[in-house]
């Protein structure tokens, strides 16, 4: 009888232990499930936040790119990297490691955007200062009629300057006749018979994408009947042959550089319209004209 009672008590204890284990397991499983759901919700929320931040960054690039008449290649490429990261994030799995990698890439893109937008703002200010400086210089060098014609050409050139281009550009190109005194003093003139030389001046615009060092541009001056004045030598670039008046050589130091050159007449200057062209190899980068009476 006692043995039977002992067995009954042992069975109850075993059942109690099993019930406790079952309830514990159920509680632990439920807790893990709830934690998994919470983690998934948190990861989804953070993923959506990163996507929203990337979208906002892309819109900022779109605004800045839209403000420029000529697209800044650095800004366009950075905008493309953001779009690529957004496309990748859309199809990525929700995991802590994956999300952290995307956050690191987002922070790197944020730092890059801060630098690019700051450089873009600086370049706008520099172009405004350059335009003001060129206007002032032209007023001192030219007589009223020459200044008016030159200013129209200069304004056209300034509107076409490419800010993140990888080649040298020139602005403010103008040419005019000068009388050269024995003292070396130069006096601008519009009279063909009084002109001793033609003076050509321009500014090599600052471009951080062009390496510093010795550079050269080709200046071509055409008289009223399209004869090339000066040296009138030829150089070939692939299938193109260029006749030039002189080679303008200078040392470029990644900042605005004012350059003036002189061309003596092959014969007496004739009255009429003269054209001045500046070439970077075979590419025409600026042009201007003036008249000698």
C-alpha atoms as a PDB file:
ATOM      1  CA  UNK A   1       0.000   0.000   0.000  1.00  0.00           C
ATOM      2  CA  UNK A   2       2.748   2.400   0.909  1.00  0.00           C
ATOM      3  CA  UNK A   3       4.631   1.411  -2.251  1.00  0.00           C
ATOM      4  CA  UNK A   4       1.568   2.246  -4.338  1.00  0.00           C
ATOM      5  CA  UNK A   5       1.237   5.658  -2.657  1.00  0.00           C
ATOM      6  CA  UNK A   6       4.919   6.360  -3.275  1.00  0.00           C
ATOM      7  CA  UNK A   7       4.514   5.590  -6.948  1.00  0.00           C
ATOM      8  CA  UNK A   8       1.495   7.877  -7.184  1.00  0.00           C
ATOM      9  CA  UNK A   9       3.357  10.724  -5.527  1.00  0.00           C
ATOM     10  CA  UNK A  10       6.389  10.209  -7.812  1.00  0.00           C
ATOM     11  CA  UNK A  11       4.146  10.251 -10.883  1.00  0.00           C
ATOM     12  CA  UNK A  12       2.534  13.494  -9.771  1.00  0.00           C
ATOM     13  CA  UNK A  13       5.926  15.052  -9.234  1.00  0.00           C
ATOM     14  CA  UNK A  14       7.130  13.928 -12.667  1.00  0.00           C
ATOM     15  CA  UNK A  15       3.984  15.287 -14.302  1.00  0.00           C
ATOM     16  CA  UNK A  16       4.457  18.549 -12.457  1.00  0.00           C
ATOM     17  CA  UNK A  17       8.021  18.832 -13.681  1.00  0.00           C
ATOM     18  CA  UNK A  18       6.972  18.074 -17.251  1.00  0.00           C
ATOM     19  CA  UNK A  19       4.191  20.646 -17.048  1.00  0.00           C
ATOM     20  CA  UNK A  20       6.610  23.247 -15.698  1.00  0.00           C
ATOM     21  CA  UNK A  21       9.090  22.472 -18.509  1.00  0.00           C
ATOM     22  CA  UNK A  22       6.325  22.689 -21.102  1.00  0.00           C
ATOM     23  CA  UNK A  23       5.091  26.019 -19.773  1.00  0.00           C
ATOM     24  CA  UNK A  24       8.652  27.348 -19.553  1.00  0.00           C
ATOM     25  CA  UNK A  25       9.414  26.263 -23.097  1.00  0.00           C
ATOM     26  CA  UNK A  26       6.183  27.818 -24.359  1.00  0.00           C
ATOM     27  CA  UNK A  27       6.941  31.070 -22.561  1.00  0.00           C
ATOM     28  CA  UNK A  28      10.535  31.170 -23.881  1.00  0.00           C
ATOM     29  CA  UNK A  29       9.381  30.372 -27.428  1.00  0.00           C
ATOM     30  CA  UNK A  30       6.755  33.104 -27.244  1.00  0.00           C
ATOM     31  CA  UNK A  31       9.335  35.557 -25.943  1.00  0.00           C
ATOM     32  CA  UNK A  32      11.763  34.704 -28.782  1.00  0.00           C
ATOM     33  CA  UNK A  33       8.987  35.103 -31.348  1.00  0.00           C
ATOM     34  CA  UNK A  34       7.991  38.487 -29.953  1.00  0.00           C
ATOM     35  CA  UNK A  35      11.626  39.639 -29.859  1.00  0.00           C
ATOM     36  CA  UNK A  36      12.079  38.521 -33.468  1.00  0.00           C
ATOM     37  CA  UNK A  37       9.017  40.500 -34.516  1.00  0.00           C
ATOM     38  CA  UNK A  38      10.248  43.557 -32.621  1.00  0.00           C
ATOM     39  CA  UNK A  39      13.720  43.264 -34.193  1.00  0.00           C
ATOM     40  CA  UNK A  40      12.225  42.910 -37.664  1.00  0.00           C
ATOM     41  CA  UNK A  41      10.028  45.941 -37.082  1.00  0.00           C
ATOM     42  CA  UNK A  42      13.002  47.949 -35.816  1.00  0.00           C
ATOM     43  CA  UNK A  43      15.200  46.926 -38.756  1.00  0.00           C
ATOM     44  CA  UNK A  44      12.410  47.747 -41.229  1.00  0.00           C
ATOM     45  CA  UNK A  45      11.935  51.153 -39.609  1.00  0.00           C
ATOM     46  CA  UNK A  46      15.664  51.927 -39.699  1.00  0.00           C
ATOM     47  CA  UNK A  47      15.890  50.699 -43.301  1.00  0.00           C
ATOM     48  CA  UNK A  48      13.018  53.008 -44.276  1.00  0.00           C
ATOM     49  CA  UNK A  49      14.766  55.885 -42.484  1.00  0.00           C
ATOM     50  CA  UNK A  50      18.022  55.281 -44.399  1.00  0.00           C
ATOM     51  CA  UNK A  51      16.020  55.113 -47.640  1.00  0.00           C
ATOM     52  CA  UNK A  52      14.302  58.409 -46.773  1.00  0.00           C
ATOM     53  CA  UNK A  53      17.640  60.055 -45.973  1.00  0.00           C
ATOM     54  CA  UNK A  54      19.105  58.867 -49.279  1.00  0.00           C
ATOM     55  CA  UNK A  55      16.052  60.141 -51.151  1.00  0.00           C
ATOM     56  CA  UNK A  56      16.395  63.536 -49.467  1.00  0.00           C
ATOM     57  CA  UNK A  57      20.095  63.661 -50.382  1.00  0.00           C
ATOM     58  CA  UNK A  58      19.290  62.792 -54.009  1.00  0.00           C
ATOM     59  CA  UNK A  59      16.760  65.652 -54.163  1.00  0.00           C
ATOM     60  CA  UNK A  60      19.393  68.103 -52.894  1.00  0.00           C
ATOM     61  CA  UNK A  61      21.722  67.002 -55.721  1.00  0.00           C
ATOM     62  CA  UNK A  62      18.893  67.361 -58.255  1.00  0.00           C
ATOM     63  CA  UNK A  63      18.293  70.966 -57.131  1.00  0.00           C
ATOM     64  CA  UNK A  64      21.987  71.925 -57.323  1.00  0.00           C
ATOM     65  CA  UNK A  65      22.503  70.192 -60.679  1.00  0.00           C
ATOM     66  CA  UNK A  66      19.393  71.933 -62.040  1.00  0.00           C
ATOM     67  CA  UNK A  67      20.750  75.357 -61.020  1.00  0.00           C
ATOM     68  CA  UNK A  68      23.833  74.936 -63.261  1.00  0.00           C
ATOM     69  CA  UNK A  69      23.528  75.626 -66.980  1.00  0.00           C
ATOM     70  CA  UNK A  70      26.231  73.010 -67.583  1.00  0.00           C
ATOM     71  CA  UNK A  71      26.087  69.883 -65.434  1.00  0.00           C
ATOM     72  CA  UNK A  72      28.902  69.495 -62.925  1.00  0.00           C
ATOM     73  CA  UNK A  73      30.212  65.983 -63.638  1.00  0.00           C
ATOM     74  CA  UNK A  74      31.266  65.380 -60.018  1.00  0.00           C
ATOM     75  CA  UNK A  75      27.739  66.165 -58.802  1.00  0.00           C
ATOM     76  CA  UNK A  76      26.169  63.960 -61.488  1.00  0.00           C
ATOM     77  CA  UNK A  77      28.416  61.009 -60.585  1.00  0.00           C
ATOM     78  CA  UNK A  78      27.700  61.432 -56.850  1.00  0.00           C
ATOM     79  CA  UNK A  79      23.949  61.501 -57.620  1.00  0.00           C
ATOM     80  CA  UNK A  80      24.359  58.238 -59.520  1.00  0.00           C
ATOM     81  CA  UNK A  81      26.098  56.586 -56.554  1.00  0.00           C
ATOM     82  CA  UNK A  82      23.184  57.529 -54.310  1.00  0.00           C
ATOM     83  CA  UNK A  83      20.678  56.026 -56.751  1.00  0.00           C
ATOM     84  CA  UNK A  84      22.744  52.830 -56.930  1.00  0.00           C
ATOM     85  CA  UNK A  85      22.775  52.534 -53.126  1.00  0.00           C
ATOM     86  CA  UNK A  86      18.994  53.084 -52.986  1.00  0.00           C
ATOM     87  CA  UNK A  87      18.397  50.364 -55.580  1.00  0.00           C
ATOM     88  CA  UNK A  88      20.635  47.960 -53.651  1.00  0.00           C
ATOM     89  CA  UNK A  89      18.977  48.799 -50.316  1.00  0.00           C
ATOM     90  CA  UNK A  90      15.510  48.058 -51.700  1.00  0.00           C
ATOM     91  CA  UNK A  91      16.364  44.399 -52.376  1.00  0.00           C
ATOM     92  CA  UNK A  92      18.643  43.855 -49.359  1.00  0.00           C
ATOM     93  CA  UNK A  93      17.780  41.521 -46.485  1.00  0.00           C
ATOM     94  CA  UNK A  94      16.822  42.962 -43.111  1.00  0.00           C
ATOM     95  CA  UNK A  95      19.826  42.170 -40.939  1.00  0.00           C
ATOM     96  CA  UNK A  96      21.897  44.138 -38.472  1.00  0.00           C
ATOM     97  CA  UNK A  97      25.129  43.630 -40.434  1.00  0.00           C
ATOM     98  CA  UNK A  98      23.526  44.526 -43.769  1.00  0.00           C
ATOM     99  CA  UNK A  99      21.854  47.658 -42.412  1.00  0.00           C
ATOM    100  CA  UNK A 100      25.055  48.794 -40.705  1.00  0.00           C
ATOM    101  CA  UNK A 101      26.962  48.520 -44.002  1.00  0.00           C
ATOM    102  CA  UNK A 102      24.373  50.693 -45.729  1.00  0.00           C
ATOM    103  CA  UNK A 103      24.498  53.233 -42.910  1.00  0.00           C
ATOM    104  CA  UNK A 104      28.296  53.485 -43.277  1.00  0.00           C
ATOM    105  CA  UNK A 105      27.936  54.010 -47.028  1.00  0.00           C
ATOM    106  CA  UNK A 106      25.250  56.641 -46.411  1.00  0.00           C
ATOM    107  CA  UNK A 107      27.508  58.530 -43.968  1.00  0.00           C
ATOM    108  CA  UNK A 108      30.363  58.472 -46.513  1.00  0.00           C
ATOM    109  CA  UNK A 109      28.031  59.847 -49.200  1.00  0.00           C
ATOM    110  CA  UNK A 110      26.844  62.530 -46.772  1.00  0.00           C
ATOM    111  CA  UNK A 111      30.441  63.676 -46.184  1.00  0.00           C
ATOM    112  CA  UNK A 112      31.096  63.654 -49.940  1.00  0.00           C
ATOM    113  CA  UNK A 113      27.983  65.761 -50.568  1.00  0.00           C
ATOM    114  CA  UNK A 114      29.034  68.348 -47.973  1.00  0.00           C
ATOM    115  CA  UNK A 115      32.404  68.731 -49.717  1.00  0.00           C
ATOM    116  CA  UNK A 116      30.958  68.892 -53.257  1.00  0.00           C
ATOM    117  CA  UNK A 117      28.239  71.416 -52.387  1.00  0.00           C
ATOM    118  CA  UNK A 118      30.772  73.632 -50.590  1.00  0.00           C
ATOM    119  CA  UNK A 119      33.067  73.530 -53.647  1.00  0.00           C
ATOM    120  CA  UNK A 120      30.111  74.312 -55.923  1.00  0.00           C
ATOM    121  CA  UNK A 121      29.185  77.388 -53.846  1.00  0.00           C
ATOM    122  CA  UNK A 122      32.809  78.581 -53.857  1.00  0.00           C
ATOM    123  CA  UNK A 123      33.012  78.203 -57.627  1.00  0.00           C
ATOM    124  CA  UNK A 124      29.889  80.335 -58.102  1.00  0.00           C
ATOM    125  CA  UNK A 125      31.402  83.123 -55.993  1.00  0.00           C
ATOM    126  CA  UNK A 126      34.738  82.887 -57.831  1.00  0.00           C
ATOM    127  CA  UNK A 127      32.997  83.188 -61.214  1.00  0.00           C
ATOM    128  CA  UNK A 128      31.112  86.272 -60.011  1.00  0.00           C
ATOM    129  CA  UNK A 129      34.368  87.834 -58.794  1.00  0.00           C
ATOM    130  CA  UNK A 130      36.085  86.904 -62.066  1.00  0.00           C
ATOM    131  CA  UNK A 131      33.361  88.600 -64.097  1.00  0.00           C
ATOM    132  CA  UNK A 132      33.655  91.770 -61.993  1.00  0.00           C
ATOM    133  CA  UNK A 133      37.441  91.797 -62.320  1.00  0.00           C
ATOM    134  CA  UNK A 134      37.335  91.336 -66.092  1.00  0.00           C
ATOM    135  CA  UNK A 135      34.840  94.168 -66.494  1.00  0.00           C
ATOM    136  CA  UNK A 136      37.105  96.520 -64.554  1.00  0.00           C
ATOM    137  CA  UNK A 137      40.209  95.554 -66.561  1.00  0.00           C
ATOM    138  CA  UNK A 138      38.482  96.057 -69.908  1.00  0.00           C
ATOM    139  CA  UNK A 139      37.307  99.541 -68.920  1.00  0.00           C
ATOM    140  CA  UNK A 140      40.922 100.604 -68.354  1.00  0.00           C
ATOM    141  CA  UNK A 141      42.328  99.070 -71.554  1.00  0.00           C
ATOM    142  CA  UNK A 142      39.779  99.895 -74.238  1.00  0.00           C
ATOM    143  CA  UNK A 143      38.208 102.968 -75.722  1.00  0.00           C
ATOM    144  CA  UNK A 144      34.441 103.199 -75.423  1.00  0.00           C
ATOM    145  CA  UNK A 145      33.537 101.644 -78.779  1.00  0.00           C
ATOM    146  CA  UNK A 146      35.975  98.732 -78.380  1.00  0.00           C
ATOM    147  CA  UNK A 147      34.827  98.158 -74.800  1.00  0.00           C
ATOM    148  CA  UNK A 148      31.145  97.937 -75.830  1.00  0.00           C
ATOM    149  CA  UNK A 149      31.797  95.340 -78.538  1.00  0.00           C
ATOM    150  CA  UNK A 150      34.165  93.358 -76.323  1.00  0.00           C
ATOM    151  CA  UNK A 151      31.744  93.311 -73.400  1.00  0.00           C
ATOM    152  CA  UNK A 152      29.065  91.589 -75.509  1.00  0.00           C
ATOM    153  CA  UNK A 153      31.524  88.869 -76.506  1.00  0.00           C
ATOM    154  CA  UNK A 154      32.827  88.537 -72.936  1.00  0.00           C
ATOM    155  CA  UNK A 155      29.334  88.098 -71.490  1.00  0.00           C
ATOM    156  CA  UNK A 156      28.630  85.363 -74.024  1.00  0.00           C
ATOM    157  CA  UNK A 157      31.880  83.596 -73.133  1.00  0.00           C
ATOM    158  CA  UNK A 158      31.301  83.822 -69.385  1.00  0.00           C
ATOM    159  CA  UNK A 159      27.878  82.197 -69.737  1.00  0.00           C
ATOM    160  CA  UNK A 160      29.533  79.224 -71.477  1.00  0.00           C
ATOM    161  CA  UNK A 161      32.370  78.591 -68.987  1.00  0.00           C
ATOM    162  CA  UNK A 162      32.323  74.981 -67.784  1.00  0.00           C
ATOM    163  CA  UNK A 163      33.022  74.978 -64.026  1.00  0.00           C
ATOM    164  CA  UNK A 164      34.043  71.035 -63.305  1.00  0.00           C
ATOM    165  CA  UNK A 165      35.614  70.772 -67.067  1.00  0.00           C
ATOM    166  CA  UNK A 166      38.922  68.954 -67.218  1.00  0.00           C
ATOM    167  CA  UNK A 167      40.444  71.260 -69.865  1.00  0.00           C
ATOM    168  CA  UNK A 168      41.690  74.834 -69.729  1.00  0.00           C
ATOM    169  CA  UNK A 169      39.204  77.549 -70.646  1.00  0.00           C
ATOM    170  CA  UNK A 170      39.714  81.245 -71.386  1.00  0.00           C
ATOM    171  CA  UNK A 171      37.455  84.246 -70.758  1.00  0.00           C
ATOM    172  CA  UNK A 172      37.588  87.958 -71.505  1.00  0.00           C
ATOM    173  CA  UNK A 173      39.315  87.556 -74.880  1.00  0.00           C
ATOM    174  CA  UNK A 174      39.796  90.822 -76.753  1.00  0.00           C
ATOM    175  CA  UNK A 175      42.163  92.258 -79.352  1.00  0.00           C
ATOM    176  CA  UNK A 176      42.912  95.800 -80.485  1.00  0.00           C
ATOM    177  CA  UNK A 177      45.508  97.889 -82.257  1.00  0.00           C
ATOM    178  CA  UNK A 178      48.191  99.665 -80.228  1.00  0.00           C
ATOM    179  CA  UNK A 179      50.693 102.428 -80.865  1.00  0.00           C
ATOM    180  CA  UNK A 180      54.075 101.537 -79.324  1.00  0.00           C
ATOM    181  CA  UNK A 181      56.084 104.525 -78.097  1.00  0.00           C
ATOM    182  CA  UNK A 182      59.877 104.427 -77.925  1.00  0.00           C
ATOM    183  CA  UNK A 183      59.520 104.410 -74.134  1.00  0.00           C
ATOM    184  CA  UNK A 184      57.594 101.163 -74.403  1.00  0.00           C
ATOM    185  CA  UNK A 185      54.267 102.766 -73.531  1.00  0.00           C
ATOM    186  CA  UNK A 186      51.277 101.284 -75.374  1.00  0.00           C
ATOM    187  CA  UNK A 187      48.352 103.412 -76.554  1.00  0.00           C
ATOM    188  CA  UNK A 188      45.173 101.676 -77.815  1.00  0.00           C
ATOM    189  CA  UNK A 189      43.972 102.860 -81.224  1.00  0.00           C
ATOM    190  CA  UNK A 190      41.253 102.000 -83.710  1.00  0.00           C
ATOM    191  CA  UNK A 191      43.179 103.367 -86.710  1.00  0.00           C
ATOM    192  CA  UNK A 192      44.784 100.766 -88.979  1.00  0.00           C
ATOM    193  CA  UNK A 193      47.568 103.029 -90.293  1.00  0.00           C
ATOM    194  CA  UNK A 194      48.606 104.121 -86.800  1.00  0.00           C
ATOM    195  CA  UNK A 195      48.679 100.592 -85.323  1.00  0.00           C
ATOM    196  CA  UNK A 196      52.150  99.212 -84.757  1.00  0.00           C
ATOM    197  CA  UNK A 197      50.961  95.869 -83.373  1.00  0.00           C
ATOM    198  CA  UNK A 198      47.848  93.983 -82.389  1.00  0.00           C
ATOM    199  CA  UNK A 199      47.536  93.226 -78.711  1.00  0.00           C
ATOM    200  CA  UNK A 200      45.542  90.125 -77.642  1.00  0.00           C
ATOM    201  CA  UNK A 201      44.600  89.674 -73.971  1.00  0.00           C
ATOM    202  CA  UNK A 202      42.631  86.972 -72.187  1.00  0.00           C
ATOM    203  CA  UNK A 203      42.311  85.232 -68.819  1.00  0.00           C
ATOM    204  CA  UNK A 204      42.994  81.527 -68.277  1.00  0.00           C
ATOM    205  CA  UNK A 205      40.204  80.568 -65.857  1.00  0.00           C
ATOM    206  CA  UNK A 206      40.988  78.653 -62.677  1.00  0.00           C
ATOM    207  CA  UNK A 207      40.151  74.961 -62.951  1.00  0.00           C
ATOM    208  CA  UNK A 208      41.054  72.625 -60.083  1.00  0.00           C
ATOM    209  CA  UNK A 209      40.702  69.589 -62.391  1.00  0.00           C
ATOM    210  CA  UNK A 210      43.624  70.666 -64.586  1.00  0.00           C
ATOM    211  CA  UNK A 211      47.096  69.834 -63.280  1.00  0.00           C
ATOM    212  CA  UNK A 212      49.563  72.668 -62.731  1.00  0.00           C
ATOM    213  CA  UNK A 213      52.577  73.052 -65.022  1.00  0.00           C
ATOM    214  CA  UNK A 214      53.697  74.406 -68.387  1.00  0.00           C
ATOM    215  CA  UNK A 215      50.779  74.851 -70.807  1.00  0.00           C
ATOM    216  CA  UNK A 216      50.262  76.310 -74.258  1.00  0.00           C
ATOM    217  CA  UNK A 217      47.378  77.683 -76.303  1.00  0.00           C
ATOM    218  CA  UNK A 218      47.296  78.637 -79.978  1.00  0.00           C
ATOM    219  CA  UNK A 219      46.278  82.191 -80.926  1.00  0.00           C
ATOM    220  CA  UNK A 220      44.955  82.852 -84.422  1.00  0.00           C
ATOM    221  CA  UNK A 221      44.394  86.391 -85.768  1.00  0.00           C
ATOM    222  CA  UNK A 222      42.569  86.801 -89.097  1.00  0.00           C
ATOM    223  CA  UNK A 223      42.695  90.090 -91.037  1.00  0.00           C
ATOM    224  CA  UNK A 224      39.727  91.494 -93.029  1.00  0.00           C
ATOM    225  CA  UNK A 225      40.433  89.126 -95.961  1.00  0.00           C
ATOM    226  CA  UNK A 226      40.975  86.089 -93.692  1.00  0.00           C
ATOM    227  CA  UNK A 227      44.758  86.001 -93.905  1.00  0.00           C
ATOM    228  CA  UNK A 228      46.438  84.560 -90.790  1.00  0.00           C
ATOM    229  CA  UNK A 229      48.700  87.229 -89.289  1.00  0.00           C
ATOM    230  CA  UNK A 230      51.933  86.619 -87.385  1.00  0.00           C
ATOM    231  CA  UNK A 231      53.889  83.389 -87.797  1.00  0.00           C
ATOM    232  CA  UNK A 232      51.125  81.730 -89.866  1.00  0.00           C
ATOM    233  CA  UNK A 233      52.509  78.273 -89.069  1.00  0.00           C
ATOM    234  CA  UNK A 234      50.644  74.965 -89.177  1.00  0.00           C
ATOM    235  CA  UNK A 235      50.149  72.156 -86.698  1.00  0.00           C
ATOM    236  CA  UNK A 236      48.177  68.951 -87.237  1.00  0.00           C
ATOM    237  CA  UNK A 237      45.857  67.299 -84.691  1.00  0.00           C
ATOM    238  CA  UNK A 238      44.694  63.946 -86.050  1.00  0.00           C
ATOM    239  CA  UNK A 239      42.703  64.937 -89.182  1.00  0.00           C
ATOM    240  CA  UNK A 240      42.642  68.672 -88.396  1.00  0.00           C
ATOM    241  CA  UNK A 241      45.259  71.213 -89.528  1.00  0.00           C
ATOM    242  CA  UNK A 242      45.414  74.503 -87.632  1.00  0.00           C
ATOM    243  CA  UNK A 243      47.067  77.700 -88.928  1.00  0.00           C
ATOM    244  CA  UNK A 244      48.064  79.873 -85.995  1.00  0.00           C
ATOM    245  CA  UNK A 245      49.593  83.310 -85.454  1.00  0.00           C
ATOM    246  CA  UNK A 246      51.527  82.458 -82.283  1.00  0.00           C
ATOM    247  CA  UNK A 247      51.860  79.896 -79.482  1.00  0.00           C
ATOM    248  CA  UNK A 248      50.960  81.362 -76.095  1.00  0.00           C
ATOM    249  CA  UNK A 249      53.085  79.514 -73.505  1.00  0.00           C
ATOM    250  CA  UNK A 250      52.662  79.937 -69.739  1.00  0.00           C
ATOM    251  CA  UNK A 251      52.995  78.199 -66.381  1.00  0.00           C
ATOM    252  CA  UNK A 252      49.593  77.320 -64.959  1.00  0.00           C
ATOM    253  CA  UNK A 253      49.321  77.254 -61.138  1.00  0.00           C
ATOM    254  CA  UNK A 254      45.640  76.350 -60.626  1.00  0.00           C
ATOM    255  CA  UNK A 255      44.501  79.958 -60.381  1.00  0.00           C
ATOM    256  CA  UNK A 256      43.251  82.700 -62.705  1.00  0.00           C
ATOM    257  CA  UNK A 257      46.036  83.889 -65.000  1.00  0.00           C
ATOM    258  CA  UNK A 258      45.957  87.074 -67.138  1.00  0.00           C
ATOM    259  CA  UNK A 259      47.885  86.795 -70.425  1.00  0.00           C
ATOM    260  CA  UNK A 260      48.625  89.357 -73.173  1.00  0.00           C
ATOM    261  CA  UNK A 261      50.410  88.661 -76.483  1.00  0.00           C
ATOM    262  CA  UNK A 262      51.484  90.870 -79.408  1.00  0.00           C
ATOM    263  CA  UNK A 263      51.453  90.255 -83.148  1.00  0.00           C
ATOM    264  CA  UNK A 264      53.349  92.530 -85.523  1.00  0.00           C
ATOM    265  CA  UNK A 265      51.941  93.038 -89.040  1.00  0.00           C
ATOM    266  CA  UNK A 266      53.192  90.973 -91.967  1.00  0.00           C
ATOM    267  CA  UNK A 267      52.615  94.185 -93.908  1.00  0.00           C
ATOM    268  CA  UNK A 268      50.701  97.377 -93.090  1.00  0.00           C
ATOM    269  CA  UNK A 269      47.444  96.775 -91.266  1.00  0.00           C
ATOM    270  CA  UNK A 270      44.375  97.256 -93.452  1.00  0.00           C
ATOM    271  CA  UNK A 271      41.096  98.756 -92.337  1.00  0.00           C
ATOM    272  CA  UNK A 272      38.278  96.355 -91.581  1.00  0.00           C
ATOM    273  CA  UNK A 273      37.126  93.583 -89.248  1.00  0.00           C
ATOM    274  CA  UNK A 274      39.687  91.405 -87.452  1.00  0.00           C
ATOM    275  CA  UNK A 275      38.920  88.090 -85.737  1.00  0.00           C
ATOM    276  CA  UNK A 276      40.857  86.636 -82.791  1.00  0.00           C
ATOM    277  CA  UNK A 277      40.554  82.912 -81.970  1.00  0.00           C
ATOM    278  CA  UNK A 278      42.155  80.925 -79.142  1.00  0.00           C
ATOM    279  CA  UNK A 279      42.518  77.139 -79.510  1.00  0.00           C
ATOM    280  CA  UNK A 280      43.280  74.438 -76.950  1.00  0.00           C
ATOM    281  CA  UNK A 281      44.913  72.031 -79.397  1.00  0.00           C
ATOM    282  CA  UNK A 282      42.260  71.787 -82.155  1.00  0.00           C
ATOM    283  CA  UNK A 283      39.357  72.920 -79.953  1.00  0.00           C
ATOM    284  CA  UNK A 284      38.186  76.517 -80.309  1.00  0.00           C
ATOM    285  CA  UNK A 285      37.705  77.759 -76.729  1.00  0.00           C
ATOM    286  CA  UNK A 286      37.135  81.491 -77.271  1.00  0.00           C
ATOM    287  CA  UNK A 287      36.686  84.022 -80.064  1.00  0.00           C
ATOM    288  CA  UNK A 288      36.421  87.784 -80.382  1.00  0.00           C
ATOM    289  CA  UNK A 289      36.557  90.499 -83.035  1.00  0.00           C
ATOM    290  CA  UNK A 290      37.465  94.165 -83.410  1.00  0.00           C
ATOM    291  CA  UNK A 291      37.603  96.762 -86.156  1.00  0.00           C
ATOM    292  CA  UNK A 292      40.397  99.013 -87.381  1.00  0.00           C
ATOM    293  CA  UNK A 293      39.375 102.039 -89.394  1.00  0.00           C
END
